[in-house]
Amino acid sequence: MRARHRLLAVSFGLTIATTCAIAQTPIVYPAKKQTAEQQQKDTGECAAWAKQTTGVDPAVLAAAPAASAPPTPAAQPDADSKGPQGERVRGAARGAVAGAAVGEIADNDADKGAAVGATVGAVAAGGRARRESKEKQEKAAEQQEQAAAEQKAADQATEAKRQEQLATYNRANAACLEGRGYVLK
């Protein structure tokens, strides 16, 4: 749930950043009394020149997806996991063998020792299985968080590159328009 909220926050932030970048288009003032038709012609020609010179097309940048969501891995059962029940049965069997040996040596009663050993073995194996399961879940959660952090960093780097490209295009467009006698703010 937290990962989804983070993803929404990142997407929202990148959307705002993209909107701000598009909003940085300069305002053009015809300082040499150019007509509206001449200004429109000059604006189109300068946009084409800036695109050709920089290799940046702001329409393509605006249409590109802002952020990619990291793939969420489906919960897959562990192939070698026998589950808690299997662990307890194996623990009980190991405990019974050890208990029988100890019971035979200690008081000449292998059956009683096997029963006690089986109980202790089952309990110990169940606890061990729970700890291992919890550790696996924690490790999977850490890996997921790390992947999300890496994706966020990659998205931020991509957005920074887009912003840089757009700024380069805007500088070229501004230079062209200033060369034709317009004031830009």
N, C-alpha and C. Protein backbone atom coordinates (compact mmCIF):
# COMPACT_ATOMS: atom_id res chain seq x y z
N MET A 1 0.83 -1.18 0.00
CA MET A 1 0.00 0.00 0.00
C MET A 1 0.87 1.25 0.00
N ARG A 2 1.94 1.24 0.83
CA ARG A 2 2.83 2.40 0.88
C ARG A 2 3.51 2.60 -0.46
N ALA A 3 3.89 1.51 -1.11
CA ALA A 3 4.56 1.61 -2.40
C ALA A 3 3.64 2.27 -3.43
N ARG A 4 2.35 1.98 -3.35
CA ARG A 4 1.41 2.58 -4.28
C ARG A 4 1.28 4.08 -4.03
N HIS A 5 1.28 4.46 -2.76
CA HIS A 5 1.22 5.89 -2.44
C HIS A 5 2.48 6.61 -2.91
N ARG A 6 3.64 5.94 -2.75
CA ARG A 6 4.89 6.54 -3.23
C ARG A 6 4.85 6.70 -4.74
N LEU A 7 4.36 5.68 -5.43
CA LEU A 7 4.29 5.73 -6.89
C LEU A 7 3.39 6.87 -7.34
N LEU A 8 2.25 7.04 -6.67
CA LEU A 8 1.36 8.14 -7.01
C LEU A 8 2.03 9.49 -6.77
N ALA A 9 2.77 9.60 -5.68
CA ALA A 9 3.47 10.85 -5.36
C ALA A 9 4.53 11.15 -6.41
N VAL A 10 5.29 10.13 -6.82
CA VAL A 10 6.31 10.31 -7.85
C VAL A 10 5.67 10.72 -9.17
N SER A 11 4.60 10.03 -9.54
CA SER A 11 3.90 10.36 -10.80
C SER A 11 3.38 11.79 -10.77
N PHE A 12 2.79 12.18 -9.64
CA PHE A 12 2.27 13.53 -9.50
C PHE A 12 3.40 14.55 -9.61
N GLY A 13 4.52 14.26 -8.95
CA GLY A 13 5.67 15.18 -8.99
C GLY A 13 6.22 15.32 -10.40
N LEU A 14 6.32 14.22 -11.12
CA LEU A 14 6.84 14.28 -12.48
C LEU A 14 5.86 15.00 -13.41
N THR A 15 4.58 14.83 -13.17
CA THR A 15 3.58 15.55 -13.96
C THR A 15 3.71 17.05 -13.75
N ILE A 16 3.89 17.45 -12.50
CA ILE A 16 4.07 18.88 -12.18
C ILE A 16 5.35 19.39 -12.83
N ALA A 17 6.43 18.61 -12.76
CA ALA A 17 7.70 19.04 -13.35
C ALA A 17 7.57 19.20 -14.86
N THR A 18 6.87 18.27 -15.51
CA THR A 18 6.68 18.35 -16.95
C THR A 18 5.84 19.57 -17.30
N THR A 19 4.80 19.81 -16.53
CA THR A 19 3.94 20.97 -16.77
C THR A 19 4.74 22.25 -16.60
N CYS A 20 5.60 22.29 -15.57
CA CYS A 20 6.41 23.48 -15.35
C CYS A 20 7.38 23.69 -16.50
N ALA A 21 7.95 22.61 -17.02
CA ALA A 21 8.89 22.73 -18.13
C ALA A 21 8.20 23.27 -19.37
N ILE A 22 7.00 22.80 -19.62
CA ILE A 22 6.26 23.29 -20.78
C ILE A 22 5.88 24.76 -20.57
N ALA A 23 5.59 25.11 -19.32
CA ALA A 23 5.20 26.48 -19.01
C ALA A 23 6.38 27.44 -19.12
N GLN A 24 7.61 26.98 -19.28
CA GLN A 24 8.77 27.84 -19.37
C GLN A 24 8.99 28.39 -20.77
N THR A 25 8.07 28.14 -21.66
CA THR A 25 8.16 28.71 -23.00
C THR A 25 8.12 30.23 -22.87
N PRO A 26 9.07 30.91 -23.49
CA PRO A 26 9.14 32.36 -23.31
C PRO A 26 7.98 33.11 -23.97
N ILE A 27 7.73 34.29 -23.46
CA ILE A 27 6.74 35.19 -24.05
C ILE A 27 7.49 36.07 -25.05
N VAL A 28 6.93 36.18 -26.25
CA VAL A 28 7.60 36.88 -27.35
C VAL A 28 6.91 38.23 -27.59
N TYR A 29 7.73 39.29 -27.62
CA TYR A 29 7.21 40.64 -27.89
C TYR A 29 7.86 41.16 -29.17
N PRO A 30 7.05 41.63 -30.12
CA PRO A 30 7.60 42.15 -31.38
C PRO A 30 8.18 43.56 -31.18
N ALA A 31 9.46 43.66 -30.85
CA ALA A 31 10.10 44.94 -30.52
C ALA A 31 10.26 45.84 -31.74
N LYS A 32 10.29 45.28 -32.93
CA LYS A 32 10.48 46.09 -34.14
C LYS A 32 9.18 46.23 -34.93
N LYS A 33 8.06 46.22 -34.18
CA LYS A 33 6.74 46.43 -34.77
C LYS A 33 6.39 45.39 -35.85
N GLN A 34 6.83 44.14 -35.66
CA GLN A 34 6.48 43.10 -36.61
C GLN A 34 4.97 42.85 -36.53
N THR A 35 4.40 42.50 -37.66
CA THR A 35 2.96 42.20 -37.69
C THR A 35 2.72 40.84 -37.05
N ALA A 36 1.45 40.57 -36.75
CA ALA A 36 1.08 39.28 -36.16
C ALA A 36 1.42 38.15 -37.13
N GLU A 37 1.19 38.39 -38.42
CA GLU A 37 1.51 37.37 -39.43
C GLU A 37 3.02 37.12 -39.48
N GLN A 38 3.80 38.21 -39.44
CA GLN A 38 5.26 38.06 -39.48
C GLN A 38 5.75 37.34 -38.21
N GLN A 39 5.16 37.69 -37.07
CA GLN A 39 5.55 37.05 -35.81
C GLN A 39 5.23 35.55 -35.86
N GLN A 40 4.06 35.21 -36.38
CA GLN A 40 3.69 33.80 -36.49
C GLN A 40 4.65 33.06 -37.41
N LYS A 41 5.01 33.69 -38.54
CA LYS A 41 5.95 33.08 -39.48
C LYS A 41 7.32 32.90 -38.83
N ASP A 42 7.81 33.96 -38.16
CA ASP A 42 9.11 33.89 -37.52
C ASP A 42 9.12 32.85 -36.39
N THR A 43 8.04 32.78 -35.64
CA THR A 43 7.95 31.82 -34.54
C THR A 43 8.01 30.39 -35.08
N GLY A 44 7.29 30.12 -36.16
CA GLY A 44 7.32 28.79 -36.77
C GLY A 44 8.69 28.45 -37.33
N GLU A 45 9.31 29.42 -38.02
CA GLU A 45 10.63 29.17 -38.59
C GLU A 45 11.69 28.96 -37.50
N CYS A 46 11.59 29.75 -36.44
CA CYS A 46 12.56 29.59 -35.34
C CYS A 46 12.35 28.27 -34.62
N ALA A 47 11.11 27.85 -34.46
CA ALA A 47 10.84 26.56 -33.82
C ALA A 47 11.44 25.43 -34.66
N ALA A 48 11.26 25.51 -35.97
CA ALA A 48 11.82 24.48 -36.85
C ALA A 48 13.35 24.51 -36.81
N TRP A 49 13.92 25.71 -36.79
CA TRP A 49 15.38 25.83 -36.73
C TRP A 49 15.91 25.28 -35.41
N ALA A 50 15.26 25.61 -34.31
CA ALA A 50 15.71 25.12 -33.00
C ALA A 50 15.61 23.60 -32.94
N LYS A 51 14.55 23.06 -33.51
CA LYS A 51 14.37 21.61 -33.53
C LYS A 51 15.48 20.95 -34.35
N GLN A 52 15.78 21.51 -35.51
CA GLN A 52 16.81 20.96 -36.38
C GLN A 52 18.20 21.12 -35.75
N THR A 53 18.45 22.26 -35.16
CA THR A 53 19.77 22.54 -34.59
C THR A 53 20.05 21.69 -33.34
N THR A 54 19.07 21.57 -32.47
CA THR A 54 19.29 20.85 -31.21
C THR A 54 18.94 19.37 -31.29
N GLY A 55 18.13 18.99 -32.27
CA GLY A 55 17.67 17.61 -32.35
C GLY A 55 16.59 17.29 -31.32
N VAL A 56 16.01 18.33 -30.73
CA VAL A 56 15.00 18.15 -29.70
C VAL A 56 13.66 18.60 -30.25
N ASP A 57 12.66 17.74 -30.12
CA ASP A 57 11.30 18.08 -30.51
C ASP A 57 10.46 18.15 -29.24
N PRO A 58 10.03 19.36 -28.84
CA PRO A 58 9.27 19.46 -27.60
C PRO A 58 7.95 18.68 -27.63
N ALA A 59 7.37 18.51 -28.79
CA ALA A 59 6.13 17.74 -28.88
C ALA A 59 6.39 16.28 -28.54
N VAL A 60 7.53 15.75 -28.98
CA VAL A 60 7.88 14.36 -28.67
C VAL A 60 8.19 14.23 -27.18
N LEU A 61 8.89 15.22 -26.61
CA LEU A 61 9.19 15.18 -25.18
C LEU A 61 7.91 15.21 -24.35
N ALA A 62 6.95 16.02 -24.76
CA ALA A 62 5.70 16.13 -24.02
C ALA A 62 4.86 14.85 -24.13
N ALA A 63 4.97 14.17 -25.27
CA ALA A 63 4.18 12.95 -25.49
C ALA A 63 4.80 11.71 -24.86
N ALA A 64 6.10 11.77 -24.55
CA ALA A 64 6.78 10.61 -23.96
C ALA A 64 6.24 10.38 -22.55
N PRO A 65 6.13 9.12 -22.15
CA PRO A 65 5.65 8.84 -20.79
C PRO A 65 6.60 9.42 -19.76
N ALA A 66 6.03 10.03 -18.72
CA ALA A 66 6.84 10.71 -17.71
C ALA A 66 7.54 9.73 -16.79
N ALA A 67 6.87 8.70 -16.36
CA ALA A 67 7.47 7.76 -15.42
C ALA A 67 6.95 6.36 -15.72
N SER A 68 7.81 5.42 -15.49
CA SER A 68 7.39 4.03 -15.69
C SER A 68 7.24 3.38 -14.33
N ALA A 69 6.16 2.70 -14.14
CA ALA A 69 5.90 2.03 -12.87
C ALA A 69 6.72 0.74 -12.82
N PRO A 70 7.36 0.49 -11.68
CA PRO A 70 8.12 -0.75 -11.59
C PRO A 70 7.19 -1.95 -11.61
N PRO A 71 7.61 -3.01 -12.25
CA PRO A 71 6.75 -4.19 -12.27
C PRO A 71 6.61 -4.74 -10.86
N THR A 72 5.40 -5.07 -10.49
CA THR A 72 5.17 -5.64 -9.17
C THR A 72 5.20 -7.15 -9.29
N PRO A 73 6.16 -7.76 -8.64
CA PRO A 73 6.26 -9.21 -8.76
C PRO A 73 5.09 -9.89 -8.06
N ALA A 74 4.55 -10.88 -8.73
CA ALA A 74 3.46 -11.65 -8.14
C ALA A 74 4.03 -12.55 -7.06
N ALA A 75 3.26 -12.75 -6.03
CA ALA A 75 3.71 -13.60 -4.94
C ALA A 75 3.76 -15.03 -5.45
N GLN A 76 4.97 -15.56 -5.53
CA GLN A 76 5.14 -16.91 -6.04
C GLN A 76 5.57 -17.80 -4.90
N PRO A 77 4.98 -18.97 -4.78
CA PRO A 77 5.40 -19.87 -3.72
C PRO A 77 6.82 -20.36 -3.97
N ASP A 78 7.55 -20.51 -2.90
CA ASP A 78 8.91 -20.99 -2.98
C ASP A 78 8.90 -22.44 -3.44
N ALA A 79 9.65 -22.75 -4.48
CA ALA A 79 9.61 -24.08 -5.07
C ALA A 79 10.11 -25.16 -4.11
N ASP A 80 11.13 -24.82 -3.29
CA ASP A 80 11.66 -25.85 -2.40
C ASP A 80 11.01 -25.80 -1.02
N SER A 81 10.02 -24.96 -0.82
CA SER A 81 9.36 -24.86 0.48
C SER A 81 8.41 -26.03 0.69
N LYS A 82 8.53 -26.62 1.85
CA LYS A 82 7.64 -27.73 2.19
C LYS A 82 6.51 -27.25 3.08
N GLY A 83 6.59 -25.99 3.48
CA GLY A 83 5.57 -25.43 4.35
C GLY A 83 5.85 -25.81 5.79
N PRO A 84 5.18 -25.16 6.72
CA PRO A 84 5.41 -25.42 8.13
C PRO A 84 5.10 -26.86 8.52
N GLN A 85 4.07 -27.45 7.93
CA GLN A 85 3.69 -28.81 8.29
C GLN A 85 4.82 -29.78 7.97
N GLY A 86 5.41 -29.68 6.81
CA GLY A 86 6.51 -30.57 6.42
C GLY A 86 7.71 -30.39 7.33
N GLU A 87 8.00 -29.16 7.71
CA GLU A 87 9.12 -28.89 8.60
C GLU A 87 8.89 -29.54 9.96
N ARG A 88 7.69 -29.43 10.45
CA ARG A 88 7.38 -30.01 11.78
C ARG A 88 7.48 -31.53 11.75
N VAL A 89 6.99 -32.14 10.69
CA VAL A 89 7.06 -33.60 10.60
C VAL A 89 8.52 -34.06 10.56
N ARG A 90 9.31 -33.38 9.75
CA ARG A 90 10.73 -33.75 9.68
C ARG A 90 11.43 -33.49 11.02
N GLY A 91 11.08 -32.37 11.68
CA GLY A 91 11.65 -32.07 13.00
C GLY A 91 11.25 -33.11 14.03
N ALA A 92 9.99 -33.53 13.96
CA ALA A 92 9.51 -34.56 14.89
C ALA A 92 10.26 -35.87 14.67
N ALA A 93 10.49 -36.22 13.41
CA ALA A 93 11.20 -37.46 13.11
C ALA A 93 12.63 -37.40 13.62
N ARG A 94 13.30 -36.28 13.37
CA ARG A 94 14.68 -36.14 13.87
C ARG A 94 14.69 -36.17 15.40
N GLY A 95 13.73 -35.47 16.01
CA GLY A 95 13.66 -35.44 17.47
C GLY A 95 13.36 -36.82 18.05
N ALA A 96 12.50 -37.57 17.38
CA ALA A 96 12.17 -38.91 17.86
C ALA A 96 13.38 -39.82 17.84
N VAL A 97 14.17 -39.74 16.79
CA VAL A 97 15.38 -40.56 16.69
C VAL A 97 16.35 -40.20 17.80
N ALA A 98 16.57 -38.89 17.96
CA ALA A 98 17.51 -38.45 19.00
C ALA A 98 16.95 -38.79 20.39
N GLY A 99 15.65 -38.57 20.60
CA GLY A 99 15.03 -38.86 21.89
C GLY A 99 15.08 -40.34 22.22
N ALA A 100 14.88 -41.18 21.22
CA ALA A 100 14.93 -42.63 21.45
C ALA A 100 16.33 -43.04 21.90
N ALA A 101 17.32 -42.46 21.27
CA ALA A 101 18.70 -42.80 21.65
C ALA A 101 19.00 -42.34 23.06
N VAL A 102 18.61 -41.11 23.39
CA VAL A 102 18.86 -40.57 24.72
C VAL A 102 18.04 -41.34 25.75
N GLY A 103 16.76 -41.62 25.44
CA GLY A 103 15.90 -42.36 26.37
C GLY A 103 16.42 -43.75 26.66
N GLU A 104 16.96 -44.41 25.64
CA GLU A 104 17.50 -45.76 25.82
C GLU A 104 18.73 -45.72 26.72
N ILE A 105 19.55 -44.73 26.51
CA ILE A 105 20.78 -44.62 27.31
C ILE A 105 20.46 -44.18 28.74
N ALA A 106 19.58 -43.16 28.87
CA ALA A 106 19.33 -42.56 30.18
C ALA A 106 18.53 -43.47 31.11
N ASP A 107 17.38 -43.98 30.68
CA ASP A 107 16.57 -44.78 31.61
C ASP A 107 16.01 -46.04 30.96
N ASN A 108 16.62 -46.50 29.91
CA ASN A 108 16.25 -47.74 29.27
C ASN A 108 14.80 -47.71 28.73
N ASP A 109 14.33 -46.52 28.31
CA ASP A 109 12.96 -46.39 27.79
C ASP A 109 13.00 -45.58 26.50
N ALA A 110 13.24 -46.25 25.37
CA ALA A 110 13.36 -45.59 24.08
C ALA A 110 12.04 -44.98 23.63
N ASP A 111 10.90 -45.61 23.95
CA ASP A 111 9.59 -45.09 23.53
C ASP A 111 9.31 -43.73 24.14
N LYS A 112 9.53 -43.63 25.45
CA LYS A 112 9.28 -42.37 26.13
C LYS A 112 10.22 -41.28 25.59
N GLY A 113 11.46 -41.62 25.40
CA GLY A 113 12.45 -40.67 24.86
C GLY A 113 12.08 -40.23 23.45
N ALA A 114 11.59 -41.18 22.63
CA ALA A 114 11.19 -40.86 21.26
C ALA A 114 10.00 -39.91 21.26
N ALA A 115 9.04 -40.13 22.17
CA ALA A 115 7.86 -39.25 22.23
C ALA A 115 8.26 -37.83 22.63
N VAL A 116 9.10 -37.74 23.67
CA VAL A 116 9.56 -36.41 24.10
C VAL A 116 10.38 -35.76 23.00
N GLY A 117 11.27 -36.51 22.39
CA GLY A 117 12.11 -35.98 21.30
C GLY A 117 11.28 -35.51 20.12
N ALA A 118 10.23 -36.26 19.78
CA ALA A 118 9.37 -35.88 18.66
C ALA A 118 8.67 -34.56 18.95
N THR A 119 8.19 -34.39 20.17
CA THR A 119 7.50 -33.15 20.53
C THR A 119 8.45 -31.97 20.47
N VAL A 120 9.61 -32.14 21.08
CA VAL A 120 10.61 -31.06 21.07
C VAL A 120 11.04 -30.75 19.64
N GLY A 121 11.28 -31.77 18.85
CA GLY A 121 11.71 -31.58 17.45
C GLY A 121 10.67 -30.86 16.63
N ALA A 122 9.39 -31.21 16.82
CA ALA A 122 8.32 -30.56 16.06
C ALA A 122 8.21 -29.08 16.42
N VAL A 123 8.28 -28.79 17.71
CA VAL A 123 8.19 -27.40 18.16
C VAL A 123 9.37 -26.60 17.64
N ALA A 124 10.56 -27.15 17.76
CA ALA A 124 11.76 -26.44 17.31
C ALA A 124 11.72 -26.21 15.79
N ALA A 125 11.31 -27.23 15.05
CA ALA A 125 11.24 -27.09 13.59
C ALA A 125 10.19 -26.08 13.19
N GLY A 126 9.07 -26.05 13.89
CA GLY A 126 8.02 -25.07 13.57
C GLY A 126 8.51 -23.64 13.80
N GLY A 127 9.20 -23.42 14.90
CA GLY A 127 9.76 -22.09 15.18
C GLY A 127 10.79 -21.69 14.15
N ARG A 128 11.65 -22.64 13.78
CA ARG A 128 12.67 -22.37 12.77
C ARG A 128 12.01 -22.03 11.43
N ALA A 129 10.97 -22.77 11.07
CA ALA A 129 10.26 -22.53 9.80
C ALA A 129 9.61 -21.14 9.80
N ARG A 130 9.04 -20.75 10.94
CA ARG A 130 8.43 -19.41 11.02
C ARG A 130 9.48 -18.32 10.88
N ARG A 131 10.61 -18.49 11.55
CA ARG A 131 11.70 -17.51 11.45
C ARG A 131 12.20 -17.39 10.01
N GLU A 132 12.40 -18.53 9.37
CA GLU A 132 12.88 -18.53 7.99
C GLU A 132 11.86 -17.87 7.06
N SER A 133 10.60 -18.16 7.27
CA SER A 133 9.55 -17.56 6.45
C SER A 133 9.52 -16.05 6.63
N LYS A 134 9.62 -15.61 7.88
CA LYS A 134 9.63 -14.17 8.16
C LYS A 134 10.85 -13.50 7.53
N GLU A 135 12.01 -14.15 7.62
CA GLU A 135 13.23 -13.60 7.03
C GLU A 135 13.09 -13.49 5.51
N LYS A 136 12.49 -14.51 4.89
CA LYS A 136 12.28 -14.46 3.43
C LYS A 136 11.35 -13.31 3.05
N GLN A 137 10.29 -13.13 3.85
CA GLN A 137 9.36 -12.04 3.56
C GLN A 137 10.04 -10.68 3.72
N GLU A 138 10.84 -10.54 4.77
CA GLU A 138 11.54 -9.27 4.99
C GLU A 138 12.53 -9.00 3.87
N LYS A 139 13.24 -10.03 3.44
CA LYS A 139 14.21 -9.88 2.36
C LYS A 139 13.50 -9.49 1.06
N ALA A 140 12.36 -10.12 0.79
CA ALA A 140 11.60 -9.80 -0.41
C ALA A 140 11.10 -8.35 -0.36
N ALA A 141 10.66 -7.91 0.82
CA ALA A 141 10.19 -6.53 0.97
C ALA A 141 11.34 -5.54 0.76
N GLU A 142 12.52 -5.86 1.30
CA GLU A 142 13.69 -5.00 1.10
C GLU A 142 14.07 -4.92 -0.37
N GLN A 143 14.04 -6.07 -1.05
CA GLN A 143 14.37 -6.07 -2.47
C GLN A 143 13.37 -5.25 -3.27
N GLN A 144 12.09 -5.34 -2.89
CA GLN A 144 11.06 -4.57 -3.58
C GLN A 144 11.27 -3.07 -3.35
N GLU A 145 11.59 -2.69 -2.12
CA GLU A 145 11.84 -1.29 -1.83
C GLU A 145 13.07 -0.78 -2.57
N GLN A 146 14.11 -1.61 -2.65
CA GLN A 146 15.31 -1.23 -3.37
C GLN A 146 15.02 -1.05 -4.85
N ALA A 147 14.24 -1.97 -5.42
CA ALA A 147 13.88 -1.85 -6.84
C ALA A 147 13.05 -0.59 -7.08
N ALA A 148 12.15 -0.28 -6.16
CA ALA A 148 11.35 0.94 -6.30
C ALA A 148 12.23 2.18 -6.21
N ALA A 149 13.21 2.17 -5.31
CA ALA A 149 14.13 3.31 -5.17
C ALA A 149 14.97 3.46 -6.43
N GLU A 150 15.43 2.35 -6.98
CA GLU A 150 16.22 2.41 -8.22
C GLU A 150 15.37 2.92 -9.37
N GLN A 151 14.12 2.49 -9.44
CA GLN A 151 13.21 2.95 -10.49
C GLN A 151 12.96 4.45 -10.34
N LYS A 152 12.78 4.89 -9.12
CA LYS A 152 12.55 6.32 -8.86
C LYS A 152 13.76 7.13 -9.30
N ALA A 153 14.96 6.65 -8.98
CA ALA A 153 16.17 7.35 -9.39
C ALA A 153 16.29 7.38 -10.92
N ALA A 154 15.95 6.27 -11.56
CA ALA A 154 16.00 6.23 -13.03
C ALA A 154 14.98 7.20 -13.63
N ASP A 155 13.78 7.24 -13.04
CA ASP A 155 12.75 8.17 -13.52
C ASP A 155 13.19 9.62 -13.33
N GLN A 156 13.83 9.91 -12.20
CA GLN A 156 14.30 11.27 -11.96
C GLN A 156 15.41 11.64 -12.94
N ALA A 157 16.29 10.70 -13.23
CA ALA A 157 17.36 10.96 -14.20
C ALA A 157 16.77 11.20 -15.59
N THR A 158 15.78 10.40 -15.95
CA THR A 158 15.12 10.58 -17.25
C THR A 158 14.45 11.94 -17.34
N GLU A 159 13.76 12.32 -16.27
CA GLU A 159 13.08 13.62 -16.24
C GLU A 159 14.09 14.76 -16.29
N ALA A 160 15.21 14.62 -15.60
CA ALA A 160 16.25 15.66 -15.62
C ALA A 160 16.80 15.81 -17.04
N LYS A 161 16.98 14.69 -17.73
CA LYS A 161 17.48 14.73 -19.10
C LYS A 161 16.46 15.42 -20.02
N ARG A 162 15.18 15.11 -19.81
CA ARG A 162 14.13 15.75 -20.61
C ARG A 162 14.12 17.26 -20.37
N GLN A 163 14.27 17.65 -19.10
CA GLN A 163 14.27 19.07 -18.76
C GLN A 163 15.47 19.77 -19.42
N GLU A 164 16.62 19.11 -19.40
CA GLU A 164 17.82 19.68 -20.02
C GLU A 164 17.62 19.84 -21.53
N GLN A 165 17.04 18.83 -22.16
CA GLN A 165 16.80 18.89 -23.60
C GLN A 165 15.83 20.03 -23.93
N LEU A 166 14.79 20.16 -23.15
CA LEU A 166 13.81 21.22 -23.38
C LEU A 166 14.44 22.59 -23.19
N ALA A 167 15.29 22.72 -22.17
CA ALA A 167 15.97 24.00 -21.94
C ALA A 167 16.89 24.34 -23.11
N THR A 168 17.57 23.34 -23.65
CA THR A 168 18.44 23.56 -24.81
C THR A 168 17.62 24.03 -26.01
N TYR A 169 16.50 23.37 -26.24
CA TYR A 169 15.61 23.77 -27.34
C TYR A 169 15.13 25.21 -27.13
N ASN A 170 14.67 25.53 -25.91
CA ASN A 170 14.16 26.88 -25.63
C ASN A 170 15.23 27.94 -25.82
N ARG A 171 16.49 27.62 -25.44
CA ARG A 171 17.58 28.59 -25.65
C ARG A 171 17.81 28.83 -27.14
N ALA A 172 17.79 27.76 -27.93
CA ALA A 172 18.00 27.91 -29.37
C ALA A 172 16.85 28.70 -30.00
N ASN A 173 15.64 28.39 -29.61
CA ASN A 173 14.47 29.10 -30.13
C ASN A 173 14.54 30.58 -29.76
N ALA A 174 14.92 30.86 -28.53
CA ALA A 174 15.04 32.25 -28.06
C ALA A 174 16.12 32.99 -28.84
N ALA A 175 17.24 32.34 -29.08
CA ALA A 175 18.32 32.99 -29.83
C ALA A 175 17.86 33.37 -31.23
N CYS A 176 17.13 32.48 -31.87
CA CYS A 176 16.62 32.74 -33.21
C CYS A 176 15.66 33.94 -33.19
N LEU A 177 14.72 33.92 -32.25
CA LEU A 177 13.74 35.00 -32.18
C LEU A 177 14.39 36.34 -31.83
N GLU A 178 15.36 36.34 -30.95
CA GLU A 178 16.07 37.57 -30.60
C GLU A 178 16.83 38.09 -31.82
N GLY A 179 17.39 37.17 -32.60
CA GLY A 179 18.10 37.56 -33.82
C GLY A 179 17.17 38.20 -34.85
N ARG A 180 15.91 37.92 -34.76
CA ARG A 180 14.93 38.50 -35.69
C ARG A 180 14.23 39.73 -35.10
N GLY A 181 14.73 40.19 -33.98
CA GLY A 181 14.23 41.46 -33.44
C GLY A 181 13.09 41.34 -32.44
N TYR A 182 12.96 40.23 -31.78
CA TYR A 182 11.92 40.07 -30.77
C TYR A 182 12.56 40.13 -29.37
N VAL A 183 11.76 40.56 -28.39
CA VAL A 183 12.18 40.56 -27.00
C VAL A 183 11.50 39.38 -26.33
N LEU A 184 12.27 38.60 -25.57
CA LEU A 184 11.71 37.43 -24.91
C LEU A 184 11.82 37.57 -23.39
N LYS A 185 10.78 37.16 -22.72
CA LYS A 185 10.77 37.16 -21.25
C LYS A 185 10.24 35.84 -20.78
